[in-house]
Amino acid sequence: SADKSLRVRGAFTRSDTVIDKKPYARWQGSMTAGEAVVLVVASAGTPGWLVPVLIGVMAVVLIGVTLRALR
């Protein structure tokens, strides 16, 4: 992952790697069956209401396009 704000919860360790002069974080570890891995991404500073509104707008547009195509 190129996103340095990503955190992994579980039995994993972070190892940074550079490929083509771009830094990447690599997570290494082992898991047992049923163990949860949680990825935590830092907030990008967007308001919490923005994503649901964008999803709602996209749903309305897709429904409209579908209804128009079915006519």
PDB file of N, CA and C in Angstrom:
ATOM      1  N   SER A   1       0.841  -1.183   0.000  1.00  0.00           N
ATOM      2  CA  SER A   1       0.000   0.000   0.000  1.00  0.00           C
ATOM      3  C   SER A   1       0.874   1.229   0.000  1.00  0.00           C
ATOM      4  N   ALA A   2       0.547   2.211  -0.810  1.00  0.00           N
ATOM      5  CA  ALA A   2       1.301   3.454  -0.823  1.00  0.00           C
ATOM      6  C   ALA A   2       0.801   4.411   0.245  1.00  0.00           C
ATOM      7  N   ASP A   3      -0.330   4.127   0.853  1.00  0.00           N
ATOM      8  CA  ASP A   3      -0.911   4.992   1.874  1.00  0.00           C
ATOM      9  C   ASP A   3      -0.235   4.727   3.207  1.00  0.00           C
ATOM     10  N   LYS A   4       0.538   5.687   3.700  1.00  0.00           N
ATOM     11  CA  LYS A   4       1.276   5.512   4.940  1.00  0.00           C
ATOM     12  C   LYS A   4       0.382   5.597   6.168  1.00  0.00           C
ATOM     13  N   SER A   5      -0.871   6.051   6.018  1.00  0.00           N
ATOM     14  CA  SER A   5      -1.758   6.182   7.170  1.00  0.00           C
ATOM     15  C   SER A   5      -2.470   4.863   7.498  1.00  0.00           C
ATOM     16  N   LEU A   6      -2.353   3.864   6.641  1.00  0.00           N
ATOM     17  CA  LEU A   6      -3.018   2.582   6.863  1.00  0.00           C
ATOM     18  C   LEU A   6      -2.388   1.867   8.047  1.00  0.00           C
ATOM     19  N   ARG A   7      -3.230   1.348   8.930  1.00  0.00           N
ATOM     20  CA  ARG A   7      -2.778   0.556  10.072  1.00  0.00           C
ATOM     21  C   ARG A   7      -3.456  -0.798  10.015  1.00  0.00           C
ATOM     22  N   VAL A   8      -2.741  -1.847  10.396  1.00  0.00           N
ATOM     23  CA  VAL A   8      -3.282  -3.198  10.411  1.00  0.00           C
ATOM     24  C   VAL A   8      -3.263  -3.685  11.848  1.00  0.00           C
ATOM     25  N   ARG A   9      -4.418  -4.140  12.333  1.00  0.00           N
ATOM     26  CA  ARG A   9      -4.486  -4.704  13.677  1.00  0.00           C
ATOM     27  C   ARG A   9      -4.468  -6.216  13.563  1.00  0.00           C
ATOM     28  N   GLY A  10      -3.644  -6.836  14.337  1.00  0.00           N
ATOM     29  CA  GLY A  10      -3.496  -8.281  14.312  1.00  0.00           C
ATOM     30  C   GLY A  10      -2.022  -8.621  14.451  1.00  0.00           C
ATOM     31  N   ALA A  11      -1.662  -9.842  14.167  1.00  0.00           N
ATOM     32  CA  ALA A  11      -0.280 -10.307  14.330  1.00  0.00           C
ATOM     33  C   ALA A  11       0.540 -10.000  13.079  1.00  0.00           C
ATOM     34  N   PHE A  12       0.636  -8.735  12.736  1.00  0.00           N
ATOM     35  CA  PHE A  12       1.357  -8.342  11.533  1.00  0.00           C
ATOM     36  C   PHE A  12       2.386  -7.282  11.866  1.00  0.00           C
ATOM     37  N   THR A  13       3.466  -7.260  11.133  1.00  0.00           N
ATOM     38  CA  THR A  13       4.483  -6.231  11.294  1.00  0.00           C
ATOM     39  C   THR A  13       4.619  -5.478   9.977  1.00  0.00           C
ATOM     40  N   ARG A  14       5.010  -4.222  10.089  1.00  0.00           N
ATOM     41  CA  ARG A  14       5.147  -3.373   8.903  1.00  0.00           C
ATOM     42  C   ARG A  14       6.601  -3.333   8.464  1.00  0.00           C
ATOM     43  N   SER A  15       6.789  -3.424   7.172  1.00  0.00           N
ATOM     44  CA  SER A  15       8.112  -3.340   6.579  1.00  0.00           C
ATOM     45  C   SER A  15       7.997  -2.428   5.361  1.00  0.00           C
ATOM     46  N   ASP A  16       8.738  -1.329   5.353  1.00  0.00           N
ATOM     47  CA  ASP A  16       8.665  -0.389   4.226  1.00  0.00           C
ATOM     48  C   ASP A  16       9.579  -0.832   3.094  1.00  0.00           C
ATOM     49  N   THR A  17       9.098  -0.657   1.876  1.00  0.00           N
ATOM     50  CA  THR A  17       9.811  -1.061   0.671  1.00  0.00           C
ATOM     51  C   THR A  17       9.749   0.083  -0.329  1.00  0.00           C
ATOM     52  N   VAL A  18      10.787   0.262  -1.121  1.00  0.00           N
ATOM     53  CA  VAL A  18      10.795   1.263  -2.187  1.00  0.00           C
ATOM     54  C   VAL A  18      10.880   0.534  -3.517  1.00  0.00           C
ATOM     55  N   ILE A  19       9.897   0.806  -4.391  1.00  0.00           N
ATOM     56  CA  ILE A  19       9.861   0.213  -5.725  1.00  0.00           C
ATOM     57  C   ILE A  19       9.740   1.356  -6.722  1.00  0.00           C
ATOM     58  N   ASP A  20      10.642   1.421  -7.670  1.00  0.00           N
ATOM     59  CA  ASP A  20      10.672   2.508  -8.660  1.00  0.00           C
ATOM     60  C   ASP A  20      10.589   3.874  -7.991  1.00  0.00           C
ATOM     61  N   LYS A  21      11.349   4.040  -6.929  1.00  0.00           N
ATOM     62  CA  LYS A  21      11.448   5.301  -6.181  1.00  0.00           C
ATOM     63  C   LYS A  21      10.143   5.710  -5.501  1.00  0.00           C
ATOM     64  N   LYS A  22       9.203   4.763  -5.336  1.00  0.00           N
ATOM     65  CA  LYS A  22       7.941   5.029  -4.641  1.00  0.00           C
ATOM     66  C   LYS A  22       7.904   4.185  -3.371  1.00  0.00           C
ATOM     67  N   PRO A  23       7.632   4.820  -2.217  1.00  0.00           N
ATOM     68  CA  PRO A  23       7.597   4.046  -0.966  1.00  0.00           C
ATOM     69  C   PRO A  23       6.281   3.282  -0.805  1.00  0.00           C
ATOM     70  N   TYR A  24       6.380   2.055  -0.338  1.00  0.00           N
ATOM     71  CA  TYR A  24       5.221   1.213  -0.070  1.00  0.00           C
ATOM     72  C   TYR A  24       5.382   0.577   1.297  1.00  0.00           C
ATOM     73  N   ALA A  25       4.265   0.388   1.974  1.00  0.00           N
ATOM     74  CA  ALA A  25       4.279  -0.334   3.243  1.00  0.00           C
ATOM     75  C   ALA A  25       3.838  -1.761   2.973  1.00  0.00           C
ATOM     76  N   ARG A  26       4.588  -2.716   3.498  1.00  0.00           N
ATOM     77  CA  ARG A  26       4.258  -4.125   3.317  1.00  0.00           C
ATOM     78  C   ARG A  26       3.993  -4.708   4.703  1.00  0.00           C
ATOM     79  N   TRP A  27       2.893  -5.397   4.841  1.00  0.00           N
ATOM     80  CA  TRP A  27       2.522  -5.993   6.117  1.00  0.00           C
ATOM     81  C   TRP A  27       2.768  -7.485   6.043  1.00  0.00           C
ATOM     82  N   GLN A  28       3.486  -8.018   7.035  1.00  0.00           N
ATOM     83  CA  GLN A  28       3.822  -9.424   7.050  1.00  0.00           C
ATOM     84  C   GLN A  28       3.380 -10.042   8.371  1.00  0.00           C
ATOM     85  N   GLY A  29       2.952 -11.274   8.327  1.00  0.00           N
ATOM     86  CA  GLY A  29       2.581 -11.963   9.545  1.00  0.00           C
ATOM     87  C   GLY A  29       1.872 -13.260   9.223  1.00  0.00           C
ATOM     88  N   SER A  30       1.480 -13.959  10.254  1.00  0.00           N
ATOM     89  CA  SER A  30       0.758 -15.200  10.059  1.00  0.00           C
ATOM     90  C   SER A  30      -0.568 -15.122  10.790  1.00  0.00           C
ATOM     91  N   MET A  31      -1.523 -15.888  10.329  1.00  0.00           N
ATOM     92  CA  MET A  31      -2.862 -15.883  10.904  1.00  0.00           C
ATOM     93  C   MET A  31      -3.264 -17.295  11.283  1.00  0.00           C
ATOM     94  N   THR A  32      -4.136 -17.369  12.260  1.00  0.00           N
ATOM     95  CA  THR A  32      -4.766 -18.637  12.574  1.00  0.00           C
ATOM     96  C   THR A  32      -6.198 -18.571  12.068  1.00  0.00           C
ATOM     97  N   ALA A  33      -6.795 -19.712  11.838  1.00  0.00           N
ATOM     98  CA  ALA A  33      -8.154 -19.762  11.314  1.00  0.00           C
ATOM     99  C   ALA A  33      -9.103 -18.996  12.236  1.00  0.00           C
ATOM    100  N   GLY A  34      -9.916 -18.133  11.660  1.00  0.00           N
ATOM    101  CA  GLY A  34     -10.904 -17.384  12.408  1.00  0.00           C
ATOM    102  C   GLY A  34     -10.391 -16.085  13.003  1.00  0.00           C
ATOM    103  N   GLU A  35      -9.106 -15.814  12.880  1.00  0.00           N
ATOM    104  CA  GLU A  35      -8.544 -14.578  13.420  1.00  0.00           C
ATOM    105  C   GLU A  35      -8.958 -13.393  12.545  1.00  0.00           C
ATOM    106  N   ALA A  36      -9.325 -12.306  13.183  1.00  0.00           N
ATOM    107  CA  ALA A  36      -9.758 -11.115  12.448  1.00  0.00           C
ATOM    108  C   ALA A  36      -8.559 -10.240  12.099  1.00  0.00           C
ATOM    109  N   VAL A  37      -8.596  -9.679  10.903  1.00  0.00           N
ATOM    110  CA  VAL A  37      -7.618  -8.684  10.488  1.00  0.00           C
ATOM    111  C   VAL A  37      -8.395  -7.401  10.253  1.00  0.00           C
ATOM    112  N   VAL A  38      -7.999  -6.347  10.918  1.00  0.00           N
ATOM    113  CA  VAL A  38      -8.705  -5.075  10.816  1.00  0.00           C
ATOM    114  C   VAL A  38      -7.788  -4.061  10.152  1.00  0.00           C
ATOM    115  N   LEU A  39      -8.245  -3.470   9.039  1.00  0.00           N
ATOM    116  CA  LEU A  39      -7.509  -2.410   8.364  1.00  0.00           C
ATOM    117  C   LEU A  39      -8.104  -1.085   8.811  1.00  0.00           C
ATOM    118  N   VAL A  40      -7.259  -0.192   9.310  1.00  0.00           N
ATOM    119  CA  VAL A  40      -7.708   1.107   9.795  1.00  0.00           C
ATOM    120  C   VAL A  40      -7.086   2.173   8.904  1.00  0.00           C
ATOM    121  N   VAL A  41      -7.939   2.943   8.239  1.00  0.00           N
ATOM    122  CA  VAL A  41      -7.476   4.001   7.351  1.00  0.00           C
ATOM    123  C   VAL A  41      -7.782   5.329   8.019  1.00  0.00           C
ATOM    124  N   ALA A  42      -6.792   6.192   8.086  1.00  0.00           N
ATOM    125  CA  ALA A  42      -6.975   7.497   8.707  1.00  0.00           C
ATOM    126  C   ALA A  42      -7.970   8.324   7.908  1.00  0.00           C
ATOM    127  N   SER A  43      -8.685   9.170   8.589  1.00  0.00           N
ATOM    128  CA  SER A  43      -9.668  10.035   7.938  1.00  0.00           C
ATOM    129  C   SER A  43      -8.977  10.992   6.976  1.00  0.00           C
ATOM    130  N   ALA A  44      -9.563  11.149   5.831  1.00  0.00           N
ATOM    131  CA  ALA A  44      -8.993  12.051   4.821  1.00  0.00           C
ATOM    132  C   ALA A  44      -9.484  13.477   5.022  1.00  0.00           C
ATOM    133  N   GLY A  45     -10.228  13.718   6.099  1.00  0.00           N
ATOM    134  CA  GLY A  45     -10.719  15.057   6.358  1.00  0.00           C
ATOM    135  C   GLY A  45     -12.060  15.345   5.706  1.00  0.00           C
ATOM    136  N   THR A  46     -12.708  14.337   5.127  1.00  0.00           N
ATOM    137  CA  THR A  46     -14.017  14.550   4.521  1.00  0.00           C
ATOM    138  C   THR A  46     -15.091  14.415   5.588  1.00  0.00           C
ATOM    139  N   PRO A  47     -16.155  15.177   5.477  1.00  0.00           N
ATOM    140  CA  PRO A  47     -17.233  15.073   6.463  1.00  0.00           C
ATOM    141  C   PRO A  47     -17.892  13.694   6.412  1.00  0.00           C
ATOM    142  N   GLY A  48     -18.371  13.216   7.560  1.00  0.00           N
ATOM    143  CA  GLY A  48     -18.969  11.900   7.644  1.00  0.00           C
ATOM    144  C   GLY A  48     -20.224  11.734   6.819  1.00  0.00           C
ATOM    145  N   TRP A  49     -20.925  12.822   6.519  1.00  0.00           N
ATOM    146  CA  TRP A  49     -22.175  12.732   5.769  1.00  0.00           C
ATOM    147  C   TRP A  49     -21.938  12.657   4.261  1.00  0.00           C
ATOM    148  N   LEU A  50     -20.737  12.960   3.792  1.00  0.00           N
ATOM    149  CA  LEU A  50     -20.483  13.074   2.362  1.00  0.00           C
ATOM    150  C   LEU A  50     -20.615  11.737   1.622  1.00  0.00           C
ATOM    151  N   VAL A  51     -20.048  10.660   2.164  1.00  0.00           N
ATOM    152  CA  VAL A  51     -20.088   9.371   1.468  1.00  0.00           C
ATOM    153  C   VAL A  51     -21.515   8.861   1.318  1.00  0.00           C
ATOM    154  N   PRO A  52     -22.356   8.856   2.386  1.00  0.00           N
ATOM    155  CA  PRO A  52     -23.732   8.401   2.184  1.00  0.00           C
ATOM    156  C   PRO A  52     -24.505   9.240   1.160  1.00  0.00           C
ATOM    157  N   VAL A  53     -24.261  10.545   1.135  1.00  0.00           N
ATOM    158  CA  VAL A  53     -24.941  11.406   0.156  1.00  0.00           C
ATOM    159  C   VAL A  53     -24.502  11.043  -1.261  1.00  0.00           C
ATOM    160  N   LEU A  54     -23.208  10.836  -1.461  1.00  0.00           N
ATOM    161  CA  LEU A  54     -22.720  10.470  -2.794  1.00  0.00           C
ATOM    162  C   LEU A  54     -23.274   9.115  -3.235  1.00  0.00           C
ATOM    163  N   ILE A  55     -23.355   8.170  -2.321  1.00  0.00           N
ATOM    164  CA  ILE A  55     -23.928   6.865  -2.658  1.00  0.00           C
ATOM    165  C   ILE A  55     -25.407   7.011  -3.016  1.00  0.00           C
ATOM    166  N   GLY A  56     -26.137   7.842  -2.260  1.00  0.00           N
ATOM    167  CA  GLY A  56     -27.552   8.078  -2.562  1.00  0.00           C
ATOM    168  C   GLY A  56     -27.754   8.718  -3.916  1.00  0.00           C
ATOM    169  N   VAL A  57     -26.947   9.715  -4.231  1.00  0.00           N
ATOM    170  CA  VAL A  57     -27.046  10.381  -5.533  1.00  0.00           C
ATOM    171  C   VAL A  57     -26.740   9.385  -6.649  1.00  0.00           C
ATOM    172  N   MET A  58     -25.708   8.560  -6.460  1.00  0.00           N
ATOM    173  CA  MET A  58     -25.369   7.579  -7.484  1.00  0.00           C
ATOM    174  C   MET A  58     -26.505   6.573  -7.669  1.00  0.00           C
ATOM    175  N   ALA A  59     -27.140   6.164  -6.588  1.00  0.00           N
ATOM    176  CA  ALA A  59     -28.254   5.215  -6.679  1.00  0.00           C
ATOM    177  C   ALA A  59     -29.414   5.821  -7.460  1.00  0.00           C
ATOM    178  N   VAL A  60     -29.735   7.090  -7.179  1.00  0.00           N
ATOM    179  CA  VAL A  60     -30.829   7.752  -7.897  1.00  0.00           C
ATOM    180  C   VAL A  60     -30.510   7.839  -9.388  1.00  0.00           C
ATOM    181  N   VAL A  61     -29.287   8.197  -9.716  1.00  0.00           N
ATOM    182  CA  VAL A  61     -28.889   8.299 -11.131  1.00  0.00           C
ATOM    183  C   VAL A  61     -28.980   6.928 -11.808  1.00  0.00           C
ATOM    184  N   LEU A  62     -28.482   5.879 -11.140  1.00  0.00           N
ATOM    185  CA  LEU A  62     -28.537   4.543 -11.739  1.00  0.00           C
ATOM    186  C   LEU A  62     -29.976   4.063 -11.924  1.00  0.00           C
ATOM    187  N   ILE A  63     -30.834   4.348 -10.969  1.00  0.00           N
ATOM    188  CA  ILE A  63     -32.251   3.978 -11.116  1.00  0.00           C
ATOM    189  C   ILE A  63     -32.876   4.727 -12.285  1.00  0.00           C
ATOM    190  N   GLY A  64     -32.580   6.015 -12.395  1.00  0.00           N
ATOM    191  CA  GLY A  64     -33.110   6.812 -13.506  1.00  0.00           C
ATOM    192  C   GLY A  64     -32.643   6.299 -14.861  1.00  0.00           C
ATOM    193  N   VAL A  65     -31.366   5.985 -14.958  1.00  0.00           N
ATOM    194  CA  VAL A  65     -30.819   5.477 -16.226  1.00  0.00           C
ATOM    195  C   VAL A  65     -31.432   4.123 -16.555  1.00  0.00           C
ATOM    196  N   THR A  66     -31.593   3.260 -15.556  1.00  0.00           N
ATOM    197  CA  THR A  66     -32.203   1.942 -15.774  1.00  0.00           C
ATOM    198  C   THR A  66     -33.644   2.070 -16.246  1.00  0.00           C
ATOM    199  N   LEU A  67     -34.438   2.933 -15.593  1.00  0.00           N
ATOM    200  CA  LEU A  67     -35.826   3.126 -15.996  1.00  0.00           C
ATOM    201  C   LEU A  67     -35.928   3.679 -17.405  1.00  0.00           C
ATOM    202  N   ARG A  68     -35.048   4.598 -17.750  1.00  0.00           N
ATOM    203  CA  ARG A  68     -35.066   5.169 -19.106  1.00  0.00           C
ATOM    204  C   ARG A  68     -34.693   4.111 -20.149  1.00  0.00           C
ATOM    205  N   ALA A  69     -33.732   3.234 -19.807  1.00  0.00           N
ATOM    206  CA  ALA A  69     -33.309   2.188 -20.744  1.00  0.00           C
ATOM    207  C   ALA A  69     -34.406   1.141 -20.938  1.00  0.00           C
ATOM    208  N   LEU A  70     -35.225   0.920 -19.927  1.00  0.00           N
ATOM    209  CA  LEU A  70     -36.283  -0.085 -20.037  1.00  0.00           C
ATOM    210  C   LEU A  70     -37.491   0.400 -20.829  1.00  0.00           C
ATOM    211  N   ARG A  71     -37.611   1.676 -21.073  1.00  0.00           N
ATOM    212  CA  ARG A  71     -38.754   2.207 -21.825  1.00  0.00           C
ATOM    213  C   ARG A  71     -38.651   1.903 -23.279  1.00  0.00           C
TER     214      ARG A  71
END
